[in-house]
Amino acid sequence: MADKEVQEPKGPELIDRVVKIKRCAAVVKGGRRFSFAAMVVVGNGQGRVGWGYGKANEVPPAVDKAVKSGSRNQFDIALEGHTIPHTVKGRFGAGRVILIPAAPGTGVIAGAAVRSVCEAAGIHDILTKSFGTTNPVTLVKATIQALEQLRSRADIERLRGVSLV
């Protein structure tokens, strides 16, 4: 048997989680024409996360477009081990989210929408609470907004020009 060349994937494998699939109906002469919109959270499980939104006439192409959009919009977050460095609050519209660092072994204590963002980002220990709306799209955007506010100890020392002991 000949040796086959196996190509290694370039970069870490992406984690994508479908958060919400919406169905929209347009009434036409022959009845209803359906289209689908998908919201997906994409991350590498090591501190990079993003979200994407895609629309198409079928579900799989909508999810593919959302994954492509999400992988383009990824950003780095500051992690401290398997948790976040400090407590942050995020808001988007009527959705409000509080993210609190947790001790090792706690797990991800979160609802479905916030959990998908945390798992895609590589956060393994965190406490969360969401207020206001229960709309998963809004909660994902509020969680992303909160994660963008995270600063590591080194970032704060550099920005303030002091050393924190």
C-alpha atoms as a PDB file:
ATOM      1  CA  MET A   1       0.000   0.000   0.000  1.00  0.00           C
ATOM      2  CA  ALA A   2       1.394   3.424  -0.975  1.00  0.00           C
ATOM      3  CA  ASP A   3       1.943   6.127   1.622  1.00  0.00           C
ATOM      4  CA  LYS A   4      -0.703   8.791   1.356  1.00  0.00           C
ATOM      5  CA  GLU A   5       0.129  12.382   2.032  1.00  0.00           C
ATOM      6  CA  VAL A   6      -2.067  13.779   4.766  1.00  0.00           C
ATOM      7  CA  GLN A   7      -2.451  17.543   4.817  1.00  0.00           C
ATOM      8  CA  GLU A   8      -2.588  19.153   8.230  1.00  0.00           C
ATOM      9  CA  PRO A   9      -5.286  21.801   8.667  1.00  0.00           C
ATOM     10  CA  LYS A  10      -3.831  25.299   8.745  1.00  0.00           C
ATOM     11  CA  GLY A  11      -4.375  26.900  12.148  1.00  0.00           C
ATOM     12  CA  PRO A  12      -6.578  25.640  14.944  1.00  0.00           C
ATOM     13  CA  GLU A  13      -9.927  24.075  14.144  1.00  0.00           C
ATOM     14  CA  LEU A  14     -12.888  26.450  14.472  1.00  0.00           C
ATOM     15  CA  ILE A  15     -15.777  25.740  16.828  1.00  0.00           C
ATOM     16  CA  ASP A  16     -19.110  26.932  15.466  1.00  0.00           C
ATOM     17  CA  ARG A  17     -22.399  26.856  17.334  1.00  0.00           C
ATOM     18  CA  VAL A  18     -25.742  27.650  15.719  1.00  0.00           C
ATOM     19  CA  VAL A  19     -27.531  29.972  18.126  1.00  0.00           C
ATOM     20  CA  LYS A  20     -30.742  30.708  16.254  1.00  0.00           C
ATOM     21  CA  ILE A  21     -32.393  29.876  12.946  1.00  0.00           C
ATOM     22  CA  LYS A  22     -35.241  32.163  11.927  1.00  0.00           C
ATOM     23  CA  ARG A  23     -37.771  31.434   9.202  1.00  0.00           C
ATOM     24  CA  CYS A  24     -39.249  34.296   7.234  1.00  0.00           C
ATOM     25  CA  ALA A  25     -42.228  33.961   4.880  1.00  0.00           C
ATOM     26  CA  ALA A  26     -42.896  36.195   1.878  1.00  0.00           C
ATOM     27  CA  VAL A  27     -46.410  35.854   0.493  1.00  0.00           C
ATOM     28  CA  VAL A  28     -46.355  35.519  -3.289  1.00  0.00           C
ATOM     29  CA  LYS A  29     -48.960  34.624  -5.903  1.00  0.00           C
ATOM     30  CA  GLY A  30     -48.450  30.868  -5.530  1.00  0.00           C
ATOM     31  CA  GLY A  31     -48.443  30.849  -1.713  1.00  0.00           C
ATOM     32  CA  ARG A  32     -45.634  31.482   0.745  1.00  0.00           C
ATOM     33  CA  ARG A  33     -41.939  31.585  -0.084  1.00  0.00           C
ATOM     34  CA  PHE A  34     -39.729  30.818   2.915  1.00  0.00           C
ATOM     35  CA  SER A  35     -36.239  32.091   3.575  1.00  0.00           C
ATOM     36  CA  PHE A  36     -33.978  31.386   6.527  1.00  0.00           C
ATOM     37  CA  ALA A  37     -31.607  33.449   8.652  1.00  0.00           C
ATOM     38  CA  ALA A  38     -28.994  31.820  10.877  1.00  0.00           C
ATOM     39  CA  MET A  39     -26.930  33.260  13.709  1.00  0.00           C
ATOM     40  CA  VAL A  40     -23.719  31.392  14.505  1.00  0.00           C
ATOM     41  CA  VAL A  41     -20.995  31.882  17.109  1.00  0.00           C
ATOM     42  CA  VAL A  42     -17.502  30.965  15.880  1.00  0.00           C
ATOM     43  CA  GLY A  43     -14.364  30.560  17.990  1.00  0.00           C
ATOM     44  CA  ASN A  44     -11.125  28.637  18.222  1.00  0.00           C
ATOM     45  CA  GLY A  45     -11.538  27.592  21.865  1.00  0.00           C
ATOM     46  CA  GLN A  46      -8.347  29.459  22.795  1.00  0.00           C
ATOM     47  CA  GLY A  47      -9.386  33.094  23.249  1.00  0.00           C
ATOM     48  CA  ARG A  48     -10.766  34.053  19.814  1.00  0.00           C
ATOM     49  CA  VAL A  49     -14.486  34.455  19.231  1.00  0.00           C
ATOM     50  CA  GLY A  50     -16.875  36.144  16.807  1.00  0.00           C
ATOM     51  CA  TRP A  51     -20.447  35.972  15.610  1.00  0.00           C
ATOM     52  CA  GLY A  52     -21.948  35.846  12.143  1.00  0.00           C
ATOM     53  CA  TYR A  53     -25.327  36.227  10.537  1.00  0.00           C
ATOM     54  CA  GLY A  54     -26.310  34.649   7.218  1.00  0.00           C
ATOM     55  CA  LYS A  55     -29.475  34.556   5.135  1.00  0.00           C
ATOM     56  CA  ALA A  56     -30.454  32.171   2.336  1.00  0.00           C
ATOM     57  CA  ASN A  57     -33.398  30.258   0.879  1.00  0.00           C
ATOM     58  CA  GLU A  58     -32.313  27.038   2.630  1.00  0.00           C
ATOM     59  CA  VAL A  59     -30.910  26.391   6.126  1.00  0.00           C
ATOM     60  CA  PRO A  60     -27.465  24.885   5.258  1.00  0.00           C
ATOM     61  CA  PRO A  61     -26.381  27.778   2.981  1.00  0.00           C
ATOM     62  CA  ALA A  62     -27.569  30.270   5.626  1.00  0.00           C
ATOM     63  CA  VAL A  63     -25.456  28.513   8.285  1.00  0.00           C
ATOM     64  CA  ASP A  64     -22.441  28.413   5.925  1.00  0.00           C
ATOM     65  CA  LYS A  65     -22.738  32.159   5.252  1.00  0.00           C
ATOM     66  CA  ALA A  66     -23.029  32.841   8.979  1.00  0.00           C
ATOM     67  CA  VAL A  67     -19.924  30.743   9.760  1.00  0.00           C
ATOM     68  CA  LYS A  68     -17.980  32.576   7.057  1.00  0.00           C
ATOM     69  CA  SER A  69     -19.115  35.943   8.424  1.00  0.00           C
ATOM     70  CA  GLY A  70     -18.316  34.912  12.000  1.00  0.00           C
ATOM     71  CA  SER A  71     -14.831  33.693  11.176  1.00  0.00           C
ATOM     72  CA  ARG A  72     -14.112  37.054   9.507  1.00  0.00           C
ATOM     73  CA  ASN A  73     -15.319  39.003  12.553  1.00  0.00           C
ATOM     74  CA  GLN A  74     -13.314  37.189  15.236  1.00  0.00           C
ATOM     75  CA  PHE A  75     -11.382  39.069  17.910  1.00  0.00           C
ATOM     76  CA  ASP A  76      -9.053  38.098  20.759  1.00  0.00           C
ATOM     77  CA  ILE A  77     -10.188  38.151  24.378  1.00  0.00           C
ATOM     78  CA  ALA A  78      -8.064  38.238  27.511  1.00  0.00           C
ATOM     79  CA  LEU A  79      -8.190  34.934  29.381  1.00  0.00           C
ATOM     80  CA  GLU A  80      -6.692  34.077  32.754  1.00  0.00           C
ATOM     81  CA  GLY A  81      -6.331  30.317  32.740  1.00  0.00           C
ATOM     82  CA  HIS A  82      -9.776  28.946  31.908  1.00  0.00           C
ATOM     83  CA  THR A  83     -11.731  31.974  33.128  1.00  0.00           C
ATOM     84  CA  ILE A  84     -11.880  35.734  32.552  1.00  0.00           C
ATOM     85  CA  PRO A  85      -9.647  38.225  34.416  1.00  0.00           C
ATOM     86  CA  HIS A  86     -12.422  40.366  35.932  1.00  0.00           C
ATOM     87  CA  THR A  87     -16.181  40.950  36.095  1.00  0.00           C
ATOM     88  CA  VAL A  88     -17.709  42.692  33.072  1.00  0.00           C
ATOM     89  CA  LYS A  89     -21.169  43.864  32.068  1.00  0.00           C
ATOM     90  CA  GLY A  90     -22.431  43.953  28.517  1.00  0.00           C
ATOM     91  CA  ARG A  91     -25.560  45.349  26.986  1.00  0.00           C
ATOM     92  CA  PHE A  92     -27.157  45.347  23.598  1.00  0.00           C
ATOM     93  CA  GLY A  93     -30.667  46.692  23.201  1.00  0.00           C
ATOM     94  CA  ALA A  94     -32.807  45.283  26.020  1.00  0.00           C
ATOM     95  CA  GLY A  95     -30.316  42.482  26.732  1.00  0.00           C
ATOM     96  CA  ARG A  96     -27.927  42.800  29.647  1.00  0.00           C
ATOM     97  CA  VAL A  97     -25.316  40.239  30.664  1.00  0.00           C
ATOM     98  CA  ILE A  98     -22.956  40.037  33.637  1.00  0.00           C
ATOM     99  CA  LEU A  99     -19.896  37.782  33.331  1.00  0.00           C
ATOM    100  CA  ILE A 100     -18.118  36.859  36.581  1.00  0.00           C
ATOM    101  CA  PRO A 101     -14.842  34.901  36.825  1.00  0.00           C
ATOM    102  CA  ALA A 102     -15.153  31.549  38.599  1.00  0.00           C
ATOM    103  CA  ALA A 103     -12.845  29.121  40.387  1.00  0.00           C
ATOM    104  CA  PRO A 104     -11.414  26.152  38.459  1.00  0.00           C
ATOM    105  CA  GLY A 105     -13.895  23.286  38.212  1.00  0.00           C
ATOM    106  CA  THR A 106     -16.988  25.508  38.359  1.00  0.00           C
ATOM    107  CA  GLY A 107     -17.932  25.022  34.711  1.00  0.00           C
ATOM    108  CA  VAL A 108     -19.926  27.336  32.478  1.00  0.00           C
ATOM    109  CA  ILE A 109     -22.969  28.490  34.437  1.00  0.00           C
ATOM    110  CA  ALA A 110     -24.948  30.221  31.690  1.00  0.00           C
ATOM    111  CA  GLY A 111     -28.019  30.069  29.503  1.00  0.00           C
ATOM    112  CA  ALA A 112     -27.888  28.587  26.025  1.00  0.00           C
ATOM    113  CA  ALA A 113     -26.954  31.764  24.109  1.00  0.00           C
ATOM    114  CA  VAL A 114     -24.270  32.971  26.539  1.00  0.00           C
ATOM    115  CA  ARG A 115     -22.956  29.403  26.957  1.00  0.00           C
ATOM    116  CA  SER A 116     -22.363  29.055  23.202  1.00  0.00           C
ATOM    117  CA  VAL A 117     -20.221  32.228  23.179  1.00  0.00           C
ATOM    118  CA  CYS A 118     -18.217  31.157  26.255  1.00  0.00           C
ATOM    119  CA  GLU A 119     -17.558  27.654  24.933  1.00  0.00           C
ATOM    120  CA  ALA A 120     -16.503  28.919  21.507  1.00  0.00           C
ATOM    121  CA  ALA A 121     -14.116  31.393  23.181  1.00  0.00           C
ATOM    122  CA  GLY A 122     -12.518  28.671  25.310  1.00  0.00           C
ATOM    123  CA  ILE A 123     -13.850  29.820  28.686  1.00  0.00           C
ATOM    124  CA  HIS A 124     -14.351  26.760  30.919  1.00  0.00           C
ATOM    125  CA  ASP A 125     -15.147  28.373  34.315  1.00  0.00           C
ATOM    126  CA  ILE A 126     -17.520  31.355  34.457  1.00  0.00           C
ATOM    127  CA  LEU A 127     -20.669  32.552  36.209  1.00  0.00           C
ATOM    128  CA  THR A 128     -23.156  34.573  34.169  1.00  0.00           C
ATOM    129  CA  LYS A 129     -26.494  36.250  34.621  1.00  0.00           C
ATOM    130  CA  SER A 130     -28.655  37.724  31.888  1.00  0.00           C
ATOM    131  CA  PHE A 131     -31.330  40.366  32.390  1.00  0.00           C
ATOM    132  CA  GLY A 132     -33.988  41.905  30.173  1.00  0.00           C
ATOM    133  CA  THR A 133     -34.756  40.111  26.958  1.00  0.00           C
ATOM    134  CA  THR A 134     -34.467  36.367  26.408  1.00  0.00           C
ATOM    135  CA  ASN A 135     -33.835  36.819  22.672  1.00  0.00           C
ATOM    136  CA  PRO A 136     -30.734  34.704  21.939  1.00  0.00           C
ATOM    137  CA  VAL A 137     -29.502  37.034  19.167  1.00  0.00           C
ATOM    138  CA  THR A 138     -29.533  40.015  21.522  1.00  0.00           C
ATOM    139  CA  LEU A 139     -27.921  38.048  24.359  1.00  0.00           C
ATOM    140  CA  VAL A 140     -25.090  36.870  22.081  1.00  0.00           C
ATOM    141  CA  LYS A 141     -24.403  40.459  20.996  1.00  0.00           C
ATOM    142  CA  ALA A 142     -24.465  41.635  24.639  1.00  0.00           C
ATOM    143  CA  THR A 143     -22.043  38.842  25.630  1.00  0.00           C
ATOM    144  CA  ILE A 144     -19.671  39.709  22.768  1.00  0.00           C
ATOM    145  CA  GLN A 145     -19.825  43.368  23.812  1.00  0.00           C
ATOM    146  CA  ALA A 146     -18.915  42.368  27.384  1.00  0.00           C
ATOM    147  CA  LEU A 147     -16.004  40.186  26.235  1.00  0.00           C
ATOM    148  CA  GLU A 148     -14.617  43.091  24.179  1.00  0.00           C
ATOM    149  CA  GLN A 149     -14.223  45.074  27.434  1.00  0.00           C
ATOM    150  CA  LEU A 150     -11.912  42.485  29.028  1.00  0.00           C
ATOM    151  CA  ARG A 151      -8.383  43.683  29.814  1.00  0.00           C
ATOM    152  CA  SER A 152      -5.533  41.560  31.134  1.00  0.00           C
ATOM    153  CA  ARG A 153      -3.299  42.714  33.994  1.00  0.00           C
ATOM    154  CA  ALA A 154      -0.497  43.412  31.491  1.00  0.00           C
ATOM    155  CA  ASP A 155      -2.804  45.574  29.338  1.00  0.00           C
ATOM    156  CA  ILE A 156      -3.859  47.674  32.340  1.00  0.00           C
ATOM    157  CA  GLU A 157      -0.243  48.107  33.492  1.00  0.00           C
ATOM    158  CA  ARG A 158       0.775  49.193  30.000  1.00  0.00           C
ATOM    159  CA  LEU A 159      -2.145  51.627  29.580  1.00  0.00           C
ATOM    160  CA  ARG A 160      -1.717  53.251  33.008  1.00  0.00           C
ATOM    161  CA  GLY A 161       2.069  53.201  32.972  1.00  0.00           C
ATOM    162  CA  VAL A 162       2.286  51.644  36.446  1.00  0.00           C
ATOM    163  CA  SER A 163       2.954  48.173  37.779  1.00  0.00           C
ATOM    164  CA  LEU A 164       0.183  46.416  39.686  1.00  0.00           C
ATOM    165  CA  VAL A 165       1.439  44.252  42.522  1.00  0.00           C
END
